[in-house]
Each structure stands twice: as structure tokens, then as C-alpha cells.
PDB file of all heavy atoms in Angstrom:
ATOM      1  N   ARG A   1      -0.994  -0.810  25.917  1.00  0.00           N
ATOM      2  CA  ARG A   1      -1.224  -0.823  27.362  1.00  0.00           C
ATOM      3  C   ARG A   1      -2.709  -0.961  27.676  1.00  0.00           C
ATOM      4  O   ARG A   1      -3.527  -0.221  27.147  1.00  0.00           O
ATOM      5  CB  ARG A   1      -0.693   0.454  27.998  1.00  0.00           C
ATOM      6  CG  ARG A   1       0.778   0.696  27.720  1.00  0.00           C
ATOM      7  CD  ARG A   1       1.261   1.925  28.442  1.00  0.00           C
ATOM      8  NE  ARG A   1       2.605   2.281  27.984  1.00  0.00           N
ATOM      9  CZ  ARG A   1       3.467   2.975  28.714  1.00  0.00           C
ATOM     10  NH1 ARG A   1       3.123   3.394  29.903  1.00  0.00           N
ATOM     11  NH2 ARG A   1       4.652   3.261  28.235  1.00  0.00           N
ATOM     12  N   ASP A   2      -3.029  -1.854  28.596  1.00  0.00           N
ATOM     13  CA  ASP A   2      -4.419  -2.019  29.007  1.00  0.00           C
ATOM     14  C   ASP A   2      -4.833  -0.974  30.043  1.00  0.00           C
ATOM     15  O   ASP A   2      -5.974  -0.534  30.067  1.00  0.00           O
ATOM     16  CB  ASP A   2      -4.642  -3.419  29.592  1.00  0.00           C
ATOM     17  CG  ASP A   2      -4.595  -4.499  28.526  1.00  0.00           C
ATOM     18  OD1 ASP A   2      -4.858  -4.177  27.358  1.00  0.00           O
ATOM     19  OD2 ASP A   2      -4.291  -5.649  28.864  1.00  0.00           O
ATOM     20  N   GLY A   3      -3.919  -0.576  30.920  1.00  0.00           N
ATOM     21  CA  GLY A   3      -4.292   0.291  32.030  1.00  0.00           C
ATOM     22  C   GLY A   3      -3.959   1.753  31.828  1.00  0.00           C
ATOM     23  O   GLY A   3      -3.872   2.511  32.797  1.00  0.00           O
ATOM     24  N   LEU A   4      -3.799   2.182  30.600  1.00  0.00           N
ATOM     25  CA  LEU A   4      -3.435   3.573  30.343  1.00  0.00           C
ATOM     26  C   LEU A   4      -4.557   4.512  30.767  1.00  0.00           C
ATOM     27  O   LEU A   4      -5.723   4.283  30.471  1.00  0.00           O
ATOM     28  CB  LEU A   4      -3.131   3.765  28.864  1.00  0.00           C
ATOM     29  CG  LEU A   4      -2.533   5.115  28.462  1.00  0.00           C
ATOM     30  CD1 LEU A   4      -1.093   5.223  28.940  1.00  0.00           C
ATOM     31  CD2 LEU A   4      -2.580   5.282  26.947  1.00  0.00           C
ATOM     32  N   GLU A   5      -4.198   5.559  31.493  1.00  0.00           N
ATOM     33  CA  GLU A   5      -5.191   6.510  31.977  1.00  0.00           C
ATOM     34  C   GLU A   5      -5.434   7.653  31.003  1.00  0.00           C
ATOM     35  O   GLU A   5      -6.491   8.267  31.003  1.00  0.00           O
ATOM     36  CB  GLU A   5      -4.742   7.092  33.322  1.00  0.00           C
ATOM     37  CG  GLU A   5      -4.574   6.048  34.424  1.00  0.00           C
ATOM     38  CD  GLU A   5      -4.007   6.654  35.694  1.00  0.00           C
ATOM     39  OE1 GLU A   5      -3.922   7.894  35.758  1.00  0.00           O
ATOM     40  OE2 GLU A   5      -3.659   5.893  36.611  1.00  0.00           O
ATOM     41  N   THR A   6      -4.440   7.977  30.177  1.00  0.00           N
ATOM     42  CA  THR A   6      -4.487   9.173  29.350  1.00  0.00           C
ATOM     43  C   THR A   6      -4.667   8.812  27.885  1.00  0.00           C
ATOM     44  O   THR A   6      -3.776   8.239  27.283  1.00  0.00           O
ATOM     45  CB  THR A   6      -3.182   9.976  29.515  1.00  0.00           C
ATOM     46  OG1 THR A   6      -2.926  10.182  30.902  1.00  0.00           O
ATOM     47  CG2 THR A   6      -3.306  11.327  28.820  1.00  0.00           C
ATOM     48  N   PRO A   7      -5.813   9.144  27.295  1.00  0.00           N
ATOM     49  CA  PRO A   7      -5.987   8.870  25.864  1.00  0.00           C
ATOM     50  C   PRO A   7      -5.025   9.688  25.019  1.00  0.00           C
ATOM     51  O   PRO A   7      -4.551  10.745  25.426  1.00  0.00           O
ATOM     52  CB  PRO A   7      -7.446   9.297  25.600  1.00  0.00           C
ATOM     53  CG  PRO A   7      -8.090   9.370  26.940  1.00  0.00           C
ATOM     54  CD  PRO A   7      -6.995   9.727  27.899  1.00  0.00           C
ATOM     55  N   LEU A   8      -4.758   9.180  23.824  1.00  0.00           N
ATOM     56  CA  LEU A   8      -3.945   9.944  22.889  1.00  0.00           C
ATOM     57  C   LEU A   8      -4.672  11.211  22.467  1.00  0.00           C
ATOM     58  O   LEU A   8      -5.903  11.238  22.406  1.00  0.00           O
ATOM     59  CB  LEU A   8      -3.659   9.104  21.642  1.00  0.00           C
ATOM     60  CG  LEU A   8      -2.627   7.994  21.763  1.00  0.00           C
ATOM     61  CD1 LEU A   8      -2.680   7.109  20.528  1.00  0.00           C
ATOM     62  CD2 LEU A   8      -1.246   8.576  21.927  1.00  0.00           C
ATOM     63  N   PRO A   9      -3.932  12.267  22.156  1.00  0.00           N
ATOM     64  CA  PRO A   9      -4.581  13.467  21.598  1.00  0.00           C
ATOM     65  C   PRO A   9      -5.350  13.113  20.336  1.00  0.00           C
ATOM     66  O   PRO A   9      -4.889  12.329  19.517  1.00  0.00           O
ATOM     67  CB  PRO A   9      -3.394  14.389  21.288  1.00  0.00           C
ATOM     68  CG  PRO A   9      -2.268  13.896  22.131  1.00  0.00           C
ATOM     69  CD  PRO A   9      -2.476  12.418  22.267  1.00  0.00           C
ATOM     70  N   ASP A  10      -6.531  13.662  20.200  1.00  0.00           N
ATOM     71  CA  ASP A  10      -7.384  13.351  19.055  1.00  0.00           C
ATOM     72  C   ASP A  10      -8.205  14.596  18.758  1.00  0.00           C
ATOM     73  O   ASP A  10      -9.367  14.687  19.102  1.00  0.00           O
ATOM     74  CB  ASP A  10      -8.294  12.166  19.386  1.00  0.00           C
ATOM     75  CG  ASP A  10      -8.886  11.518  18.132  1.00  0.00           C
ATOM     76  OD1 ASP A  10      -8.714  12.096  17.047  1.00  0.00           O
ATOM     77  OD2 ASP A  10      -9.499  10.456  18.257  1.00  0.00           O
ATOM     78  N   HIS A  11      -7.557  15.570  18.111  1.00  0.00           N
ATOM     79  CA  HIS A  11      -8.175  16.879  17.971  1.00  0.00           C
ATOM     80  C   HIS A  11      -8.930  17.068  16.675  1.00  0.00           C
ATOM     81  O   HIS A  11      -9.500  18.123  16.443  1.00  0.00           O
ATOM     82  CB  HIS A  11      -7.110  17.973  18.093  1.00  0.00           C
ATOM     83  CG  HIS A  11      -6.111  17.973  16.970  1.00  0.00           C
ATOM     84  ND1 HIS A  11      -5.122  17.033  16.867  1.00  0.00           N
ATOM     85  CD2 HIS A  11      -5.961  18.798  15.906  1.00  0.00           C
ATOM     86  CE1 HIS A  11      -4.395  17.269  15.798  1.00  0.00           C
ATOM     87  NE2 HIS A  11      -4.884  18.328  15.182  1.00  0.00           N
ATOM     88  N   ALA A  12      -8.947  16.056  15.807  1.00  0.00           N
ATOM     89  CA  ALA A  12      -9.634  16.204  14.529  1.00  0.00           C
ATOM     90  C   ALA A  12     -10.652  15.082  14.361  1.00  0.00           C
ATOM     91  O   ALA A  12     -10.358  13.926  14.670  1.00  0.00           O
ATOM     92  CB  ALA A  12      -8.635  16.180  13.382  1.00  0.00           C
ATOM     93  N   PRO A  13     -11.848  15.392  13.877  1.00  0.00           N
ATOM     94  CA  PRO A  13     -12.823  14.328  13.614  1.00  0.00           C
ATOM     95  C   PRO A  13     -12.395  13.516  12.410  1.00  0.00           C
ATOM     96  O   PRO A  13     -11.583  13.974  11.588  1.00  0.00           O
ATOM     97  CB  PRO A  13     -14.108  15.109  13.326  1.00  0.00           C
ATOM     98  CG  PRO A  13     -13.628  16.408  12.760  1.00  0.00           C
ATOM     99  CD  PRO A  13     -12.342  16.717  13.491  1.00  0.00           C
ATOM    100  N   PRO A  14     -12.920  12.304  12.254  1.00  0.00           N
ATOM    101  CA  PRO A  14     -12.583  11.541  11.058  1.00  0.00           C
ATOM    102  C   PRO A  14     -13.094  12.235   9.811  1.00  0.00           C
ATOM    103  O   PRO A  14     -14.093  12.959   9.847  1.00  0.00           O
ATOM    104  CB  PRO A  14     -13.291  10.202  11.283  1.00  0.00           C
ATOM    105  CG  PRO A  14     -14.378  10.500  12.250  1.00  0.00           C
ATOM    106  CD  PRO A  14     -13.858  11.591  13.128  1.00  0.00           C
ATOM    107  N   SER A  15     -12.394  12.039   8.723  1.00  0.00           N
ATOM    108  CA  SER A  15     -12.874  12.570   7.458  1.00  0.00           C
ATOM    109  C   SER A  15     -14.212  11.918   7.099  1.00  0.00           C
ATOM    110  O   SER A  15     -14.499  10.794   7.510  1.00  0.00           O
ATOM    111  CB  SER A  15     -11.855  12.301   6.347  1.00  0.00           C
ATOM    112  OG  SER A  15     -10.636  12.951   6.629  1.00  0.00           O
ATOM    113  N   ALA A  16     -15.029  12.644   6.373  1.00  0.00           N
ATOM    114  CA  ALA A  16     -16.330  12.122   5.970  1.00  0.00           C
ATOM    115  C   ALA A  16     -16.157  11.257   4.730  1.00  0.00           C
ATOM    116  O   ALA A  16     -15.921  11.790   3.633  1.00  0.00           O
ATOM    117  CB  ALA A  16     -17.291  13.270   5.690  1.00  0.00           C
ATOM    118  N   PRO A  17     -16.238   9.929   4.862  1.00  0.00           N
ATOM    119  CA  PRO A  17     -15.990   9.081   3.690  1.00  0.00           C
ATOM    120  C   PRO A  17     -17.206   9.031   2.779  1.00  0.00           C
ATOM    121  O   PRO A  17     -18.353   9.154   3.219  1.00  0.00           O
ATOM    122  CB  PRO A  17     -15.729   7.713   4.318  1.00  0.00           C
ATOM    123  CG  PRO A  17     -16.555   7.722   5.573  1.00  0.00           C
ATOM    124  CD  PRO A  17     -16.529   9.145   6.067  1.00  0.00           C
ATOM    125  N   ARG A  18     -16.948   8.858   1.495  1.00  0.00           N
ATOM    126  CA  ARG A  18     -18.049   8.575   0.584  1.00  0.00           C
ATOM    127  C   ARG A  18     -18.343   7.085   0.631  1.00  0.00           C
ATOM    128  O   ARG A  18     -17.530   6.305   1.117  1.00  0.00           O
ATOM    129  CB  ARG A  18     -17.672   9.024  -0.821  1.00  0.00           C
ATOM    130  CG  ARG A  18     -16.565   8.212  -1.485  1.00  0.00           C
ATOM    131  CD  ARG A  18     -15.955   8.995  -2.639  1.00  0.00           C
ATOM    132  NE  ARG A  18     -15.153   8.168  -3.527  1.00  0.00           N
ATOM    133  CZ  ARG A  18     -13.911   7.793  -3.267  1.00  0.00           C
ATOM    134  NH1 ARG A  18     -13.335   8.132  -2.117  1.00  0.00           N
ATOM    135  NH2 ARG A  18     -13.243   7.066  -4.145  1.00  0.00           N
ATOM    136  N   ARG A  19     -19.505   6.696   0.162  1.00  0.00           N
ATOM    137  CA  ARG A  19     -19.841   5.274   0.121  1.00  0.00           C
ATOM    138  C   ARG A  19     -19.035   4.608  -0.991  1.00  0.00           C
ATOM    139  O   ARG A  19     -19.056   5.061  -2.140  1.00  0.00           O
ATOM    140  CB  ARG A  19     -21.335   5.084  -0.121  1.00  0.00           C
ATOM    141  CG  ARG A  19     -22.196   5.578   1.028  1.00  0.00           C
ATOM    142  CD  ARG A  19     -23.667   5.442   0.688  1.00  0.00           C
ATOM    143  NE  ARG A  19     -24.047   4.049   0.530  1.00  0.00           N
ATOM    144  CZ  ARG A  19     -24.450   3.253   1.519  1.00  0.00           C
ATOM    145  NH1 ARG A  19     -24.506   3.729   2.759  1.00  0.00           N
ATOM    146  NH2 ARG A  19     -24.788   1.993   1.292  1.00  0.00           N
ATOM    147  N   VAL A  20     -18.313   3.565  -0.656  1.00  0.00           N
ATOM    148  CA  VAL A  20     -17.464   2.894  -1.634  1.00  0.00           C
ATOM    149  C   VAL A  20     -17.627   1.389  -1.507  1.00  0.00           C
ATOM    150  O   VAL A  20     -18.077   0.872  -0.478  1.00  0.00           O
ATOM    151  CB  VAL A  20     -15.977   3.260  -1.446  1.00  0.00           C
ATOM    152  CG1 VAL A  20     -15.743   4.750  -1.636  1.00  0.00           C
ATOM    153  CG2 VAL A  20     -15.458   2.804  -0.076  1.00  0.00           C
ATOM    154  N   ASP A  21     -17.246   0.693  -2.537  1.00  0.00           N
ATOM    155  CA  ASP A  21     -17.133  -0.759  -2.515  1.00  0.00           C
ATOM    156  C   ASP A  21     -15.758  -1.084  -1.948  1.00  0.00           C
ATOM    157  O   ASP A  21     -14.736  -0.906  -2.629  1.00  0.00           O
ATOM    158  CB  ASP A  21     -17.292  -1.311  -3.929  1.00  0.00           C
ATOM    159  CG  ASP A  21     -17.065  -2.822  -4.013  1.00  0.00           C
ATOM    160  OD1 ASP A  21     -16.859  -3.454  -2.963  1.00  0.00           O
ATOM    161  OD2 ASP A  21     -17.076  -3.356  -5.146  1.00  0.00           O
ATOM    162  N   ASP A  22     -15.716  -1.554  -0.711  1.00  0.00           N
ATOM    163  CA  ASP A  22     -14.413  -1.760  -0.068  1.00  0.00           C
ATOM    164  C   ASP A  22     -13.667  -2.969  -0.610  1.00  0.00           C
ATOM    165  O   ASP A  22     -12.536  -3.245  -0.187  1.00  0.00           O
ATOM    166  CB  ASP A  22     -14.548  -1.835   1.459  1.00  0.00           C
ATOM    167  CG  ASP A  22     -15.333  -3.043   1.945  1.00  0.00           C
ATOM    168  OD1 ASP A  22     -15.837  -3.822   1.111  1.00  0.00           O
ATOM    169  OD2 ASP A  22     -15.440  -3.213   3.179  1.00  0.00           O
ATOM    170  N   GLU A  23     -14.254  -3.693  -1.549  1.00  0.00           N
ATOM    171  CA  GLU A  23     -13.561  -4.800  -2.212  1.00  0.00           C
ATOM    172  C   GLU A  23     -13.149  -4.455  -3.639  1.00  0.00           C
ATOM    173  O   GLU A  23     -12.668  -5.327  -4.375  1.00  0.00           O
ATOM    174  CB  GLU A  23     -14.451  -6.044  -2.226  1.00  0.00           C
ATOM    175  CG  GLU A  23     -14.778  -6.567  -0.837  1.00  0.00           C
ATOM    176  CD  GLU A  23     -15.535  -7.883  -0.882  1.00  0.00           C
ATOM    177  OE1 GLU A  23     -15.084  -8.805  -1.582  1.00  0.00           O
ATOM    178  OE2 GLU A  23     -16.578  -7.977  -0.213  1.00  0.00           O
ATOM    179  N   ALA A  24     -13.308  -3.199  -4.038  1.00  0.00           N
ATOM    180  CA  ALA A  24     -12.974  -2.798  -5.404  1.00  0.00           C
ATOM    181  C   ALA A  24     -11.487  -2.987  -5.672  1.00  0.00           C
ATOM    182  O   ALA A  24     -10.651  -2.860  -4.769  1.00  0.00           O
ATOM    183  CB  ALA A  24     -13.366  -1.339  -5.629  1.00  0.00           C
ATOM    184  N   ARG A  25     -11.162  -3.272  -6.942  1.00  0.00           N
ATOM    185  CA  ARG A  25      -9.765  -3.470  -7.352  1.00  0.00           C
ATOM    186  C   ARG A  25      -9.474  -2.624  -8.578  1.00  0.00           C
ATOM    187  O   ARG A  25     -10.382  -2.217  -9.300  1.00  0.00           O
ATOM    188  CB  ARG A  25      -9.508  -4.935  -7.696  1.00  0.00           C
ATOM    189  CG  ARG A  25      -9.886  -5.916  -6.620  1.00  0.00           C
ATOM    190  CD  ARG A  25      -9.854  -7.346  -7.159  1.00  0.00           C
ATOM    191  NE  ARG A  25     -10.529  -8.252  -6.250  1.00  0.00           N
ATOM    192  CZ  ARG A  25     -10.930  -9.469  -6.587  1.00  0.00           C
ATOM    193  NH1 ARG A  25     -10.698  -9.915  -7.829  1.00  0.00           N
ATOM    194  NH2 ARG A  25     -11.551 -10.243  -5.721  1.00  0.00           N
ATOM    195  N   VAL A  26      -8.195  -2.401  -8.794  1.00  0.00           N
ATOM    196  CA  VAL A  26      -7.751  -1.772 -10.036  1.00  0.00           C
ATOM    197  C   VAL A  26      -6.696  -2.682 -10.658  1.00  0.00           C
ATOM    198  O   VAL A  26      -6.026  -3.449  -9.958  1.00  0.00           O
ATOM    199  CB  VAL A  26      -7.155  -0.366  -9.795  1.00  0.00           C
ATOM    200  CG1 VAL A  26      -8.175   0.555  -9.151  1.00  0.00           C
ATOM    201  CG2 VAL A  26      -5.896  -0.441  -8.931  1.00  0.00           C
ATOM    202  N   VAL A  27      -6.568  -2.593 -11.965  1.00  0.00           N
ATOM    203  CA  VAL A  27      -5.525  -3.355 -12.676  1.00  0.00           C
ATOM    204  C   VAL A  27      -4.396  -2.400 -13.021  1.00  0.00           C
ATOM    205  O   VAL A  27      -4.625  -1.335 -13.602  1.00  0.00           O
ATOM    206  CB  VAL A  27      -6.092  -4.013 -13.941  1.00  0.00           C
ATOM    207  CG1 VAL A  27      -4.964  -4.644 -14.764  1.00  0.00           C
ATOM    208  CG2 VAL A  27      -7.126  -5.068 -13.571  1.00  0.00           C
ATOM    209  N   VAL A  28      -3.207  -2.768 -12.628  1.00  0.00           N
ATOM    210  CA  VAL A  28      -2.010  -1.986 -12.940  1.00  0.00           C
ATOM    211  C   VAL A  28      -1.301  -2.684 -14.096  1.00  0.00           C
ATOM    212  O   VAL A  28      -0.799  -3.805 -13.938  1.00  0.00           O
ATOM    213  CB  VAL A  28      -1.083  -1.876 -11.717  1.00  0.00           C
ATOM    214  CG1 VAL A  28       0.168  -1.077 -12.063  1.00  0.00           C
ATOM    215  CG2 VAL A  28      -1.822  -1.239 -10.538  1.00  0.00           C
ATOM    216  N   PRO A  29      -1.265  -2.073 -15.283  1.00  0.00           N
ATOM    217  CA  PRO A  29      -0.661  -2.729 -16.447  1.00  0.00           C
ATOM    218  C   PRO A  29       0.819  -3.024 -16.246  1.00  0.00           C
ATOM    219  O   PRO A  29       1.540  -2.275 -15.571  1.00  0.00           O
ATOM    220  CB  PRO A  29      -0.874  -1.717 -17.573  1.00  0.00           C
ATOM    221  CG  PRO A  29      -2.006  -0.859 -17.111  1.00  0.00           C
ATOM    222  CD  PRO A  29      -1.864  -0.780 -15.631  1.00  0.00           C
ATOM    223  N   GLY A  30       1.274  -4.093 -16.836  1.00  0.00           N
ATOM    224  CA  GLY A  30       2.674  -4.463 -16.739  1.00  0.00           C
ATOM    225  C   GLY A  30       3.578  -3.502 -17.487  1.00  0.00           C
ATOM    226  O   GLY A  30       3.137  -2.722 -18.328  1.00  0.00           O
ATOM    227  N   GLY A  31       4.846  -3.580 -17.147  1.00  0.00           N
ATOM    228  CA  GLY A  31       5.833  -2.724 -17.786  1.00  0.00           C
ATOM    229  C   GLY A  31       6.829  -2.201 -16.771  1.00  0.00           C
ATOM    230  O   GLY A  31       6.694  -2.409 -15.573  1.00  0.00           O
ATOM    231  N   PRO A  32       7.855  -1.510 -17.249  1.00  0.00           N
ATOM    232  CA  PRO A  32       8.888  -1.008 -16.344  1.00  0.00           C
ATOM    233  C   PRO A  32       8.458   0.279 -15.649  1.00  0.00           C
ATOM    234  O   PRO A  32       7.572   1.004 -16.121  1.00  0.00           O
ATOM    235  CB  PRO A  32      10.061  -0.748 -17.291  1.00  0.00           C
ATOM    236  CG  PRO A  32       9.391  -0.388 -18.592  1.00  0.00           C
ATOM    237  CD  PRO A  32       8.154  -1.226 -18.665  1.00  0.00           C
ATOM    238  N   PHE A  33       9.089   0.544 -14.522  1.00  0.00           N
ATOM    239  CA  PHE A  33       8.956   1.831 -13.841  1.00  0.00           C
ATOM    240  C   PHE A  33      10.244   2.062 -13.074  1.00  0.00           C
ATOM    241  O   PHE A  33      11.090   1.168 -12.936  1.00  0.00           O
ATOM    242  CB  PHE A  33       7.729   1.857 -12.928  1.00  0.00           C
ATOM    243  CG  PHE A  33       7.972   1.289 -11.543  1.00  0.00           C
ATOM    244  CD1 PHE A  33       8.049   2.115 -10.438  1.00  0.00           C
ATOM    245  CD2 PHE A  33       8.130  -0.084 -11.358  1.00  0.00           C
ATOM    246  CE1 PHE A  33       8.274   1.599  -9.173  1.00  0.00           C
ATOM    247  CE2 PHE A  33       8.347  -0.612 -10.087  1.00  0.00           C
ATOM    248  CZ  PHE A  33       8.417   0.236  -8.993  1.00  0.00           C
ATOM    249  N   VAL A  34      10.405   3.277 -12.578  1.00  0.00           N
ATOM    250  CA  VAL A  34      11.596   3.622 -11.804  1.00  0.00           C
ATOM    251  C   VAL A  34      11.285   3.459 -10.322  1.00  0.00           C
ATOM    252  O   VAL A  34      10.412   4.136  -9.782  1.00  0.00           O
ATOM    253  CB  VAL A  34      12.062   5.055 -12.106  1.00  0.00           C
ATOM    254  CG1 VAL A  34      13.254   5.417 -11.215  1.00  0.00           C
ATOM    255  CG2 VAL A  34      12.431   5.191 -13.571  1.00  0.00           C
ATOM    256  N   MET A  35      12.008   2.560  -9.680  1.00  0.00           N
ATOM    257  CA  MET A  35      11.827   2.298  -8.252  1.00  0.00           C
ATOM    258  C   MET A  35      12.919   3.000  -7.470  1.00  0.00           C
ATOM    259  O   MET A  35      14.075   3.048  -7.894  1.00  0.00           O
ATOM    260  CB  MET A  35      11.878   0.797  -7.994  1.00  0.00           C
ATOM    261  CG  MET A  35      11.510   0.387  -6.577  1.00  0.00           C
ATOM    262  SD  MET A  35      11.308  -1.406  -6.473  1.00  0.00           S
ATOM    263  CE  MET A  35      10.760  -1.598  -4.777  1.00  0.00           C
ATOM    264  N   GLY A  36      12.566   3.554  -6.322  1.00  0.00           N
ATOM    265  CA  GLY A  36      13.530   4.280  -5.512  1.00  0.00           C
ATOM    266  C   GLY A  36      13.717   5.695  -6.015  1.00  0.00           C
ATOM    267  O   GLY A  36      12.991   6.183  -6.880  1.00  0.00           O
TER     268      GLY A  36
END
């Protein structure tokens, strides 16, 4: 909604993030796992 008068409740500040490489990746090795 563009014309909303009432903001959503926001009672907690954002968590304090550490400095990270936001393009970092991890490799997940192949193999079976249990899904579901």
C-alpha cells in the first residue's frame, strides 16, 4: 500500500552484522541426503 498511515510494529533494532564478503560461496559435496 502506498497510502498506509500506520507503520508495522518494529520493536527490535537490526542485529549488528559483522563485515562479510556478500559474494562468498561454499561448496556442498555431492552425495545422498534425506529430504523431507
